[in-house]
């Protein structure tokens, strides 16, 4: 059995080992289960199609271990079958950060095309966009960078909206 080295992603201080294999993303079943708040036992794994799960020798925490992995489509199937509201944001994170970073790491780089990467520090991780030789952080991720729960407050939003409303009213008055 070939040995594989995974990429470690963090979500809410919980690890997710992911692997790019045969042009698709694969995730540690055990860690994906922790992220959705459910132990993914053999019965749940057996419900997936044969091409949606496999066991590989994966380097995790310094040693190779047999690890049950779930494919990208298998992960979406598990998320759909074990729905809780948090799974919506987990699906977005998997799609727009984890898989995007892994996919961009595989292909040849083009200097004019934006690419994503992962920045990790003290138990946190953040998806970066690299474009025109500059790293970019999404505005919605700034509270995470600043260590704050939110940038916008209702009073700030009201202050920002007021001048726009006044300008629109002047425009329509003639």
N, C-alpha and C. Protein backbone atom coordinates (compact mmCIF):
# COMPACT_ATOMS: atom_id res chain seq x y z
N UNK A 1 0.85 -1.17 0.00
CA UNK A 1 0.00 0.00 0.00
C UNK A 1 0.90 1.24 0.00
N UNK A 2 0.69 2.18 -0.95
CA UNK A 2 1.52 3.39 -0.99
C UNK A 2 1.25 4.29 0.21
N UNK A 3 2.28 5.04 0.58
CA UNK A 3 2.18 5.97 1.70
C UNK A 3 1.88 7.37 1.17
N UNK A 4 1.05 8.11 1.90
CA UNK A 4 0.65 9.44 1.47
C UNK A 4 0.88 10.44 2.60
N UNK A 5 1.16 11.68 2.20
CA UNK A 5 1.31 12.77 3.16
C UNK A 5 0.14 13.73 2.96
N UNK A 6 -0.57 14.01 4.02
CA UNK A 6 -1.77 14.85 3.95
C UNK A 6 -1.44 16.30 4.28
N UNK A 7 -2.36 17.17 3.92
CA UNK A 7 -2.30 18.57 4.31
C UNK A 7 -3.23 18.75 5.50
N UNK A 8 -2.75 19.45 6.51
CA UNK A 8 -3.54 19.66 7.72
C UNK A 8 -4.26 21.00 7.64
N UNK A 9 -5.58 20.97 7.80
CA UNK A 9 -6.41 22.17 7.86
C UNK A 9 -7.02 22.23 9.25
N UNK A 10 -7.28 23.43 9.73
CA UNK A 10 -7.89 23.61 11.05
C UNK A 10 -9.19 24.39 10.92
N UNK A 11 -10.20 23.91 11.62
CA UNK A 11 -11.47 24.63 11.71
C UNK A 11 -11.91 24.58 13.16
N UNK A 12 -12.05 25.73 13.78
CA UNK A 12 -12.42 25.83 15.19
C UNK A 12 -11.50 24.96 16.06
N UNK A 13 -10.21 25.05 15.79
CA UNK A 13 -9.16 24.31 16.51
C UNK A 13 -9.29 22.79 16.37
N UNK A 14 -10.02 22.33 15.39
CA UNK A 14 -10.13 20.89 15.12
C UNK A 14 -9.42 20.58 13.81
N UNK A 15 -8.63 19.52 13.81
CA UNK A 15 -7.85 19.20 12.60
C UNK A 15 -8.69 18.48 11.55
N UNK A 16 -8.30 18.66 10.30
CA UNK A 16 -8.84 17.88 9.19
C UNK A 16 -7.67 17.59 8.26
N UNK A 17 -7.26 16.33 8.21
CA UNK A 17 -6.22 15.91 7.28
C UNK A 17 -6.88 15.66 5.94
N UNK A 18 -6.37 16.30 4.91
CA UNK A 18 -6.92 16.17 3.56
C UNK A 18 -5.81 15.77 2.61
N UNK A 19 -6.19 15.04 1.59
CA UNK A 19 -5.24 14.47 0.65
C UNK A 19 -5.76 14.67 -0.76
N UNK A 20 -4.89 15.05 -1.69
CA UNK A 20 -5.26 15.17 -3.09
C UNK A 20 -4.81 13.89 -3.77
N UNK A 21 -5.76 13.09 -4.21
CA UNK A 21 -5.46 11.78 -4.77
C UNK A 21 -6.34 11.54 -5.99
N UNK A 22 -5.72 11.20 -7.10
CA UNK A 22 -6.45 10.92 -8.35
C UNK A 22 -7.37 12.08 -8.73
N UNK A 23 -6.84 13.28 -8.65
CA UNK A 23 -7.53 14.52 -9.04
C UNK A 23 -8.78 14.83 -8.22
N UNK A 24 -8.82 14.37 -7.00
CA UNK A 24 -9.92 14.76 -6.13
C UNK A 24 -9.47 14.80 -4.68
N UNK A 25 -10.24 15.54 -3.89
CA UNK A 25 -9.93 15.71 -2.47
C UNK A 25 -10.47 14.53 -1.67
N UNK A 26 -9.67 14.09 -0.69
CA UNK A 26 -10.06 13.03 0.24
C UNK A 26 -9.83 13.55 1.65
N UNK A 27 -10.74 13.21 2.57
CA UNK A 27 -10.69 13.71 3.94
C UNK A 27 -10.68 12.55 4.93
N UNK A 28 -9.99 12.73 6.04
CA UNK A 28 -10.00 11.74 7.11
C UNK A 28 -11.43 11.61 7.62
N UNK A 29 -11.98 10.40 7.56
CA UNK A 29 -13.37 10.17 7.99
C UNK A 29 -13.55 10.49 9.47
N UNK A 30 -12.60 10.11 10.27
CA UNK A 30 -12.70 10.34 11.71
C UNK A 30 -12.75 11.84 12.02
N UNK A 31 -11.87 12.60 11.38
CA UNK A 31 -11.82 14.05 11.65
C UNK A 31 -13.01 14.78 11.04
N UNK A 32 -13.47 14.33 9.87
CA UNK A 32 -14.67 14.92 9.28
C UNK A 32 -15.87 14.67 10.20
N UNK A 33 -15.93 13.47 10.76
CA UNK A 33 -17.00 13.16 11.71
C UNK A 33 -16.98 14.08 12.92
N UNK A 34 -15.79 14.38 13.43
CA UNK A 34 -15.68 15.31 14.56
C UNK A 34 -16.20 16.69 14.19
N UNK A 35 -15.89 17.12 12.96
CA UNK A 35 -16.33 18.44 12.53
C UNK A 35 -17.85 18.53 12.40
N UNK A 36 -18.51 17.42 12.04
CA UNK A 36 -19.97 17.46 11.94
C UNK A 36 -20.65 17.01 13.23
N UNK A 37 -19.85 16.67 14.23
CA UNK A 37 -20.41 16.29 15.52
C UNK A 37 -21.00 14.90 15.55
N UNK A 38 -20.46 14.01 14.73
CA UNK A 38 -20.99 12.64 14.67
C UNK A 38 -19.85 11.68 14.38
N UNK A 39 -19.81 10.57 15.11
CA UNK A 39 -18.81 9.55 14.86
C UNK A 39 -19.19 8.81 13.58
N UNK A 40 -18.29 8.79 12.61
CA UNK A 40 -18.56 8.10 11.34
C UNK A 40 -18.12 6.65 11.47
N UNK A 41 -19.03 5.80 11.92
CA UNK A 41 -18.71 4.39 12.13
C UNK A 41 -18.76 3.61 10.81
N UNK A 42 -18.48 2.32 10.90
CA UNK A 42 -18.44 1.47 9.70
C UNK A 42 -19.78 1.45 8.98
N UNK A 43 -20.87 1.50 9.73
CA UNK A 43 -22.19 1.47 9.10
C UNK A 43 -22.41 2.70 8.22
N UNK A 44 -22.03 3.85 8.69
CA UNK A 44 -22.16 5.08 7.89
C UNK A 44 -21.25 5.02 6.68
N UNK A 45 -20.03 4.55 6.87
CA UNK A 45 -19.08 4.44 5.76
C UNK A 45 -19.60 3.47 4.71
N UNK A 46 -20.19 2.34 5.14
CA UNK A 46 -20.71 1.34 4.19
C UNK A 46 -21.86 1.89 3.35
N UNK A 47 -22.59 2.87 3.86
CA UNK A 47 -23.69 3.46 3.09
C UNK A 47 -23.19 4.27 1.89
N UNK A 48 -21.95 4.70 1.96
CA UNK A 48 -21.38 5.44 0.83
C UNK A 48 -21.08 4.47 -0.31
N UNK A 49 -21.05 4.99 -1.53
CA UNK A 49 -20.66 4.17 -2.67
C UNK A 49 -19.21 3.75 -2.52
N UNK A 50 -18.84 2.67 -3.18
CA UNK A 50 -17.48 2.13 -3.06
C UNK A 50 -16.41 3.13 -3.47
N UNK A 51 -16.72 4.01 -4.42
CA UNK A 51 -15.73 4.98 -4.87
C UNK A 51 -15.67 6.23 -3.99
N UNK A 52 -16.46 6.26 -2.92
CA UNK A 52 -16.49 7.43 -2.03
C UNK A 52 -15.71 7.23 -0.74
N UNK A 53 -15.13 6.05 -0.55
CA UNK A 53 -14.31 5.82 0.65
C UNK A 53 -13.21 4.83 0.33
N UNK A 54 -12.13 4.92 1.07
CA UNK A 54 -11.00 4.00 0.94
C UNK A 54 -10.12 4.13 2.17
N UNK A 55 -9.25 3.14 2.35
CA UNK A 55 -8.28 3.17 3.44
C UNK A 55 -6.90 3.35 2.83
N UNK A 56 -6.16 4.32 3.36
CA UNK A 56 -4.81 4.60 2.86
C UNK A 56 -3.84 4.69 4.04
N UNK A 57 -2.56 4.50 3.74
CA UNK A 57 -1.51 4.73 4.74
C UNK A 57 -1.19 6.23 4.71
N UNK A 58 -1.53 6.91 5.77
CA UNK A 58 -1.43 8.36 5.80
C UNK A 58 -0.48 8.80 6.90
N UNK A 59 0.41 9.74 6.57
CA UNK A 59 1.31 10.32 7.56
C UNK A 59 0.52 11.32 8.38
N UNK A 60 0.32 10.99 9.66
CA UNK A 60 -0.40 11.86 10.58
C UNK A 60 0.38 11.95 11.87
N UNK A 61 0.73 13.16 12.25
CA UNK A 61 1.43 13.41 13.50
C UNK A 61 2.71 12.59 13.61
N UNK A 62 3.45 12.50 12.50
CA UNK A 62 4.77 11.90 12.51
C UNK A 62 4.84 10.41 12.25
N UNK A 63 3.72 9.72 12.10
CA UNK A 63 3.78 8.29 11.81
C UNK A 63 2.70 7.90 10.80
N UNK A 64 2.98 6.84 10.04
CA UNK A 64 2.03 6.36 9.05
C UNK A 64 1.01 5.45 9.72
N UNK A 65 -0.26 5.70 9.41
CA UNK A 65 -1.35 4.91 9.98
C UNK A 65 -2.37 4.59 8.90
N UNK A 66 -3.02 3.43 9.02
CA UNK A 66 -4.16 3.15 8.15
C UNK A 66 -5.27 4.12 8.52
N UNK A 67 -5.74 4.87 7.55
CA UNK A 67 -6.73 5.91 7.80
C UNK A 67 -7.86 5.76 6.80
N UNK A 68 -9.09 5.73 7.29
CA UNK A 68 -10.25 5.71 6.40
C UNK A 68 -10.45 7.12 5.88
N UNK A 69 -10.51 7.23 4.56
CA UNK A 69 -10.67 8.52 3.91
C UNK A 69 -12.00 8.55 3.16
N UNK A 70 -12.61 9.73 3.10
CA UNK A 70 -13.86 9.94 2.37
C UNK A 70 -13.59 10.94 1.27
N UNK A 71 -14.08 10.65 0.06
CA UNK A 71 -13.87 11.54 -1.07
C UNK A 71 -14.70 12.81 -0.91
N UNK A 72 -14.46 13.76 -1.80
CA UNK A 72 -15.21 15.01 -1.78
C UNK A 72 -16.71 14.74 -1.91
N UNK A 73 -17.09 13.91 -2.87
CA UNK A 73 -18.52 13.62 -3.05
C UNK A 73 -19.07 12.86 -1.84
N UNK A 74 -18.27 11.99 -1.25
CA UNK A 74 -18.69 11.29 -0.04
C UNK A 74 -18.89 12.24 1.13
N UNK A 75 -18.03 13.24 1.23
CA UNK A 75 -18.17 14.23 2.31
C UNK A 75 -19.48 15.00 2.15
N UNK A 76 -19.80 15.39 0.92
CA UNK A 76 -21.06 16.11 0.69
C UNK A 76 -22.26 15.20 0.98
N UNK A 77 -22.15 13.92 0.66
CA UNK A 77 -23.22 12.96 0.97
C UNK A 77 -23.43 12.86 2.48
N UNK A 78 -22.33 12.74 3.22
CA UNK A 78 -22.42 12.65 4.69
C UNK A 78 -23.03 13.93 5.25
N UNK A 79 -22.62 15.09 4.74
CA UNK A 79 -23.17 16.36 5.22
C UNK A 79 -24.67 16.44 4.96
N UNK A 80 -25.12 15.93 3.81
CA UNK A 80 -26.55 15.97 3.48
C UNK A 80 -27.36 15.00 4.35
N UNK A 81 -26.81 13.84 4.63
CA UNK A 81 -27.54 12.83 5.41
C UNK A 81 -27.58 13.17 6.90
N UNK A 82 -26.61 13.88 7.40
CA UNK A 82 -26.54 14.21 8.82
C UNK A 82 -26.59 15.73 8.98
N UNK A 83 -27.68 16.31 8.50
CA UNK A 83 -27.79 17.75 8.45
C UNK A 83 -27.99 18.36 9.83
N UNK A 84 -27.20 19.38 10.11
CA UNK A 84 -27.42 20.32 11.19
C UNK A 84 -27.07 21.69 10.60
N UNK A 85 -27.60 22.77 11.13
CA UNK A 85 -27.35 24.08 10.53
C UNK A 85 -25.87 24.42 10.33
N UNK A 86 -25.00 24.00 11.24
CA UNK A 86 -23.56 24.31 11.12
C UNK A 86 -22.95 23.68 9.87
N UNK A 87 -23.56 22.60 9.38
CA UNK A 87 -23.00 21.92 8.20
C UNK A 87 -22.98 22.80 6.96
N UNK A 88 -23.86 23.79 6.91
CA UNK A 88 -23.86 24.70 5.77
C UNK A 88 -22.54 25.47 5.71
N UNK A 89 -22.10 26.01 6.84
CA UNK A 89 -20.82 26.74 6.84
C UNK A 89 -19.64 25.79 6.69
N UNK A 90 -19.76 24.56 7.19
CA UNK A 90 -18.71 23.56 7.00
C UNK A 90 -18.57 23.22 5.52
N UNK A 91 -19.70 23.06 4.83
CA UNK A 91 -19.66 22.77 3.39
C UNK A 91 -18.99 23.91 2.63
N UNK A 92 -19.33 25.14 2.99
CA UNK A 92 -18.69 26.30 2.33
C UNK A 92 -17.19 26.30 2.58
N UNK A 93 -16.79 26.03 3.81
CA UNK A 93 -15.36 26.00 4.15
C UNK A 93 -14.65 24.92 3.35
N UNK A 94 -15.24 23.73 3.28
CA UNK A 94 -14.63 22.66 2.49
C UNK A 94 -14.51 23.06 1.02
N UNK A 95 -15.57 23.62 0.46
CA UNK A 95 -15.60 23.96 -0.96
C UNK A 95 -14.68 25.12 -1.31
N UNK A 96 -14.82 26.23 -0.58
CA UNK A 96 -14.14 27.46 -0.98
C UNK A 96 -12.77 27.67 -0.37
N UNK A 97 -12.43 26.89 0.63
CA UNK A 97 -11.11 27.04 1.22
C UNK A 97 -10.27 25.78 1.07
N UNK A 98 -10.73 24.69 1.67
CA UNK A 98 -9.92 23.47 1.68
C UNK A 98 -9.69 22.94 0.26
N UNK A 99 -10.76 22.69 -0.46
CA UNK A 99 -10.62 22.11 -1.80
C UNK A 99 -9.98 23.10 -2.76
N UNK A 100 -10.31 24.37 -2.63
CA UNK A 100 -9.70 25.38 -3.50
C UNK A 100 -8.19 25.45 -3.30
N UNK A 101 -7.74 25.41 -2.05
CA UNK A 101 -6.30 25.44 -1.76
C UNK A 101 -5.62 24.20 -2.33
N UNK A 102 -6.24 23.05 -2.12
CA UNK A 102 -5.64 21.80 -2.60
C UNK A 102 -5.59 21.76 -4.13
N UNK A 103 -6.65 22.20 -4.78
CA UNK A 103 -6.70 22.19 -6.24
C UNK A 103 -5.65 23.15 -6.82
N UNK A 104 -5.54 24.32 -6.25
CA UNK A 104 -4.56 25.29 -6.75
C UNK A 104 -3.13 24.82 -6.53
N UNK A 105 -2.90 24.04 -5.49
CA UNK A 105 -1.55 23.54 -5.22
C UNK A 105 -1.13 22.48 -6.25
N UNK A 106 -2.06 21.91 -6.98
CA UNK A 106 -1.75 20.83 -7.91
C UNK A 106 -1.35 21.31 -9.30
N UNK A 107 -2.03 22.33 -9.78
CA UNK A 107 -1.84 22.74 -11.17
C UNK A 107 -0.66 23.64 -11.37
N UNK A 108 -0.25 23.80 -12.64
CA UNK A 108 0.81 24.75 -12.95
C UNK A 108 0.34 26.17 -12.66
N UNK A 109 1.24 26.96 -12.13
CA UNK A 109 0.86 28.32 -11.76
C UNK A 109 0.92 29.24 -12.96
N UNK A 110 -0.06 30.10 -13.05
CA UNK A 110 -0.07 31.15 -14.05
C UNK A 110 -0.03 32.46 -13.27
N UNK A 111 0.88 33.34 -13.65
CA UNK A 111 1.07 34.56 -12.87
C UNK A 111 -0.11 35.52 -12.98
N UNK A 112 -0.91 35.41 -14.04
CA UNK A 112 -2.03 36.33 -14.18
C UNK A 112 -3.33 35.79 -13.58
N UNK A 113 -3.33 34.55 -13.12
CA UNK A 113 -4.54 33.96 -12.54
C UNK A 113 -4.44 33.95 -11.02
N UNK A 114 -5.51 34.35 -10.32
CA UNK A 114 -5.49 34.29 -8.86
C UNK A 114 -5.38 32.85 -8.37
N UNK A 115 -4.70 32.66 -7.25
CA UNK A 115 -4.55 31.34 -6.64
C UNK A 115 -4.81 31.46 -5.15
N UNK A 116 -5.21 30.36 -4.54
CA UNK A 116 -5.45 30.36 -3.10
C UNK A 116 -4.37 29.58 -2.38
N UNK A 117 -4.16 29.93 -1.13
CA UNK A 117 -3.24 29.18 -0.27
C UNK A 117 -3.78 29.26 1.15
N UNK A 118 -3.15 28.56 2.05
CA UNK A 118 -3.60 28.51 3.43
C UNK A 118 -2.53 29.10 4.33
N UNK A 119 -2.93 30.05 5.18
CA UNK A 119 -2.04 30.62 6.18
C UNK A 119 -2.48 30.07 7.54
N UNK A 120 -1.55 29.51 8.29
CA UNK A 120 -1.88 28.90 9.57
C UNK A 120 -1.03 29.54 10.66
N UNK A 121 -1.65 29.84 11.81
CA UNK A 121 -0.92 30.38 12.95
C UNK A 121 -1.70 30.05 14.22
N UNK A 122 -1.02 29.75 15.27
CA UNK A 122 -1.55 29.46 16.61
C UNK A 122 -2.99 28.95 16.64
N UNK A 123 -3.20 27.79 16.07
CA UNK A 123 -4.51 27.15 16.14
C UNK A 123 -5.56 27.73 15.22
N UNK A 124 -5.17 28.61 14.34
CA UNK A 124 -6.11 29.21 13.39
C UNK A 124 -5.59 29.01 11.98
N UNK A 125 -6.49 29.06 11.03
CA UNK A 125 -6.07 29.03 9.63
C UNK A 125 -6.96 29.98 8.84
N UNK A 126 -6.41 30.46 7.74
CA UNK A 126 -7.10 31.46 6.95
C UNK A 126 -6.75 31.24 5.48
N UNK A 127 -7.74 31.37 4.64
CA UNK A 127 -7.52 31.22 3.20
C UNK A 127 -7.08 32.57 2.62
N UNK A 128 -5.96 32.55 1.89
CA UNK A 128 -5.44 33.75 1.24
C UNK A 128 -5.64 33.64 -0.27
N UNK A 129 -5.83 34.76 -0.91
CA UNK A 129 -5.88 34.82 -2.36
C UNK A 129 -4.61 35.53 -2.82
N UNK A 130 -3.86 34.91 -3.70
CA UNK A 130 -2.65 35.53 -4.25
C UNK A 130 -2.98 36.01 -5.66
N UNK A 131 -2.82 37.31 -5.87
CA UNK A 131 -3.13 37.88 -7.17
C UNK A 131 -2.19 39.06 -7.42
N UNK A 132 -1.60 39.09 -8.59
CA UNK A 132 -0.66 40.13 -8.99
C UNK A 132 0.45 40.30 -7.95
N UNK A 133 1.02 39.20 -7.53
CA UNK A 133 2.13 39.16 -6.57
C UNK A 133 1.80 39.73 -5.20
N UNK A 134 0.53 39.74 -4.84
CA UNK A 134 0.09 40.26 -3.54
C UNK A 134 -0.82 39.24 -2.87
N UNK A 135 -0.65 39.02 -1.56
CA UNK A 135 -1.62 38.19 -0.83
C UNK A 135 -2.83 39.05 -0.42
N UNK A 136 -4.03 38.51 -0.59
CA UNK A 136 -5.26 39.23 -0.25
C UNK A 136 -6.04 38.42 0.77
N UNK A 137 -6.66 39.11 1.71
CA UNK A 137 -7.52 38.49 2.71
C UNK A 137 -8.93 39.00 2.46
N UNK A 138 -9.91 38.09 2.49
CA UNK A 138 -11.30 38.50 2.30
C UNK A 138 -11.72 39.41 3.45
N UNK A 139 -12.54 40.39 3.15
CA UNK A 139 -13.01 41.32 4.17
C UNK A 139 -13.75 40.58 5.29
N UNK A 140 -14.53 39.56 4.93
CA UNK A 140 -15.27 38.83 5.95
C UNK A 140 -14.35 38.03 6.88
N UNK A 141 -13.08 37.82 6.48
CA UNK A 141 -12.13 37.10 7.33
C UNK A 141 -11.33 38.03 8.25
N UNK A 142 -11.49 39.33 8.10
CA UNK A 142 -10.71 40.27 8.91
C UNK A 142 -10.97 40.13 10.42
N UNK A 143 -12.20 39.88 10.87
CA UNK A 143 -12.37 39.68 12.32
C UNK A 143 -11.50 38.53 12.85
N UNK A 144 -11.33 37.48 12.05
CA UNK A 144 -10.48 36.35 12.45
C UNK A 144 -9.03 36.80 12.57
N UNK A 145 -8.58 37.62 11.62
CA UNK A 145 -7.20 38.11 11.64
C UNK A 145 -6.98 39.04 12.83
N UNK A 146 -7.95 39.90 13.08
CA UNK A 146 -7.84 40.86 14.17
C UNK A 146 -8.16 40.25 15.53
N UNK A 147 -8.71 39.04 15.53
CA UNK A 147 -9.06 38.39 16.78
C UNK A 147 -10.30 38.96 17.41
N UNK A 148 -11.18 39.53 16.59
CA UNK A 148 -12.42 40.12 17.09
C UNK A 148 -13.60 39.32 16.56
N UNK A 149 -14.71 39.41 17.27
CA UNK A 149 -15.88 38.64 16.85
C UNK A 149 -16.57 39.28 15.66
N UNK A 150 -16.48 40.59 15.52
CA UNK A 150 -17.17 41.24 14.41
C UNK A 150 -16.57 42.61 14.17
N UNK A 151 -16.57 43.01 12.91
CA UNK A 151 -16.13 44.36 12.56
C UNK A 151 -17.33 45.30 12.55
N UNK A 152 -18.44 44.84 11.98
CA UNK A 152 -19.63 45.68 11.83
C UNK A 152 -20.54 45.52 13.04
N UNK A 153 -21.00 46.63 13.53
CA UNK A 153 -22.01 46.63 14.58
C UNK A 153 -23.25 47.27 13.99
N UNK A 154 -24.41 47.07 14.58
CA UNK A 154 -25.61 47.70 14.02
C UNK A 154 -25.48 49.22 13.92
N UNK A 155 -24.84 49.86 14.90
CA UNK A 155 -24.69 51.32 14.84
C UNK A 155 -23.76 51.73 13.70
N UNK A 156 -22.70 50.95 13.44
CA UNK A 156 -21.80 51.26 12.34
C UNK A 156 -22.52 51.11 11.01
N UNK A 157 -23.31 50.05 10.87
CA UNK A 157 -24.04 49.84 9.63
C UNK A 157 -25.05 50.95 9.39
N UNK A 158 -25.71 51.44 10.45
CA UNK A 158 -26.67 52.52 10.30
C UNK A 158 -25.96 53.80 9.86
N UNK A 159 -24.78 54.08 10.43
CA UNK A 159 -24.02 55.27 10.04
C UNK A 159 -23.59 55.20 8.59
N UNK A 160 -23.18 54.01 8.14
CA UNK A 160 -22.75 53.85 6.75
C UNK A 160 -23.93 53.96 5.79
N UNK A 161 -25.09 53.46 6.18
CA UNK A 161 -26.24 53.45 5.30
C UNK A 161 -26.85 54.84 5.16
N UNK A 162 -26.78 55.68 6.18
CA UNK A 162 -27.43 56.98 6.17
C UNK A 162 -26.94 57.88 5.03
N UNK A 163 -25.64 58.11 4.82
CA UNK A 163 -25.22 58.98 3.72
C UNK A 163 -25.67 58.44 2.36
N UNK A 164 -25.70 57.14 2.19
CA UNK A 164 -26.14 56.56 0.93
C UNK A 164 -27.61 56.88 0.70
N UNK A 165 -28.40 56.75 1.75
CA UNK A 165 -29.84 57.03 1.62
C UNK A 165 -30.06 58.51 1.30
N UNK A 166 -29.30 59.37 1.94
CA UNK A 166 -29.44 60.81 1.67
C UNK A 166 -29.06 61.13 0.24
N UNK A 167 -27.98 60.54 -0.25
CA UNK A 167 -27.56 60.78 -1.64
C UNK A 167 -28.60 60.26 -2.62
N UNK A 168 -29.17 59.11 -2.35
CA UNK A 168 -30.19 58.55 -3.23
C UNK A 168 -31.44 59.43 -3.23
N UNK A 169 -31.82 59.93 -2.06
CA UNK A 169 -33.00 60.80 -1.97
C UNK A 169 -32.78 62.08 -2.77
N UNK A 170 -31.57 62.67 -2.67
CA UNK A 170 -31.27 63.89 -3.44
C UNK A 170 -31.33 63.60 -4.94
N UNK A 171 -30.84 62.46 -5.35
CA UNK A 171 -30.82 62.09 -6.77
C UNK A 171 -32.23 61.95 -7.32
N UNK A 172 -33.12 61.33 -6.56
CA UNK A 172 -34.48 61.10 -7.04
C UNK A 172 -35.35 62.35 -6.95
N UNK A 173 -35.00 63.29 -6.06
CA UNK A 173 -35.75 64.54 -5.97
C UNK A 173 -35.50 65.42 -7.18
N UNK A 174 -34.37 65.25 -7.80
CA UNK A 174 -34.12 66.00 -9.02
C UNK A 174 -33.12 67.00 -8.83
